[in-house]
C-alpha cells in the first residue's frame, strides 16, 4: 500500500487481537458502506479497550 516493498508478517501470539480488530473493521465497513443500519457506536470504546489491553501485556 505504501510502495516500500516491505513485508509485514503477523505475530502468532497476537492472533486474538488481530481477530478483534478485523471484526471492528468489518463493522465499520458495513456501517459506512453497505448497510447504514449497522450500529457502530461501540467501535471507539472497543478500540480503546484493545489498546489498554495491549499496553498492559507489553
Protein backbone atom coordinates (compact mmCIF):
# COMPACT_ATOMS: atom_id res chain seq x y z
CA UNK A 1 0.00 0.00 0.00
CA UNK A 2 2.86 2.39 0.64
CA UNK A 3 5.15 1.27 -2.14
CA UNK A 4 8.01 0.36 0.19
CA UNK A 5 8.09 -3.35 -0.78
CA UNK A 6 8.32 -4.17 2.92
CA UNK A 7 6.57 -7.33 4.11
CA UNK A 8 4.90 -7.50 7.49
CA UNK A 9 4.30 -10.93 8.93
CA UNK A 10 1.70 -11.49 11.64
CA UNK A 11 2.83 -12.36 15.14
CA UNK A 12 1.07 -15.62 16.07
CA UNK A 13 0.68 -14.57 19.72
CA UNK A 14 -1.36 -11.56 18.59
CA UNK A 15 -3.93 -13.61 16.66
CA UNK A 16 -6.75 -12.87 19.15
CA UNK A 17 -6.15 -9.11 18.90
CA UNK A 18 -5.97 -9.27 15.09
CA UNK A 19 -9.36 -11.02 15.06
CA UNK A 20 -10.90 -8.40 17.33
CA UNK A 21 -9.55 -5.57 15.16
CA UNK A 22 -10.73 -7.24 11.97
CA UNK A 23 -14.23 -7.68 13.39
CA UNK A 24 -14.32 -3.95 14.20
CA UNK A 25 -13.06 -3.16 10.70
CA UNK A 26 -15.87 -5.24 9.18
CA UNK A 27 -18.40 -3.49 11.40
CA UNK A 28 -17.16 -0.08 10.22
CA UNK A 29 -17.04 -1.20 6.61
CA UNK A 30 -20.64 -2.33 6.71
CA UNK A 31 -21.75 0.70 8.71
CA UNK A 32 -20.25 3.21 6.30
CA UNK A 33 -20.59 1.35 3.05
CA UNK A 34 -23.06 -1.46 2.73
CA UNK A 35 -25.70 -1.16 5.41
CA UNK A 36 -26.34 2.11 7.19
CA UNK A 37 -28.38 0.28 9.83
CA UNK A 38 -25.28 -1.27 11.41
CA UNK A 39 -24.66 0.00 14.94
CA UNK A 40 -21.09 1.32 15.17
CA UNK A 41 -21.38 3.20 18.47
CA UNK A 42 -19.26 0.61 20.28
CA UNK A 43 -16.26 0.78 17.94
CA UNK A 44 -14.28 3.57 19.64
CA UNK A 45 -14.75 2.11 23.12
CA UNK A 46 -13.76 -1.34 21.85
CA UNK A 47 -10.64 0.09 20.22
CA UNK A 48 -9.69 1.86 23.45
CA UNK A 49 -10.19 -1.38 25.39
CA UNK A 50 -7.96 -3.25 22.94
CA UNK A 51 -5.33 -0.52 23.25
CA UNK A 52 -5.40 -0.70 27.04
CA UNK A 53 -5.17 -4.50 27.00
CA UNK A 54 -2.18 -4.43 24.66
CA UNK A 55 -0.44 -1.81 26.79
CA UNK A 56 -0.90 -3.94 29.93
CA UNK A 57 0.54 -7.00 28.15
CA UNK A 58 3.53 -5.15 26.68
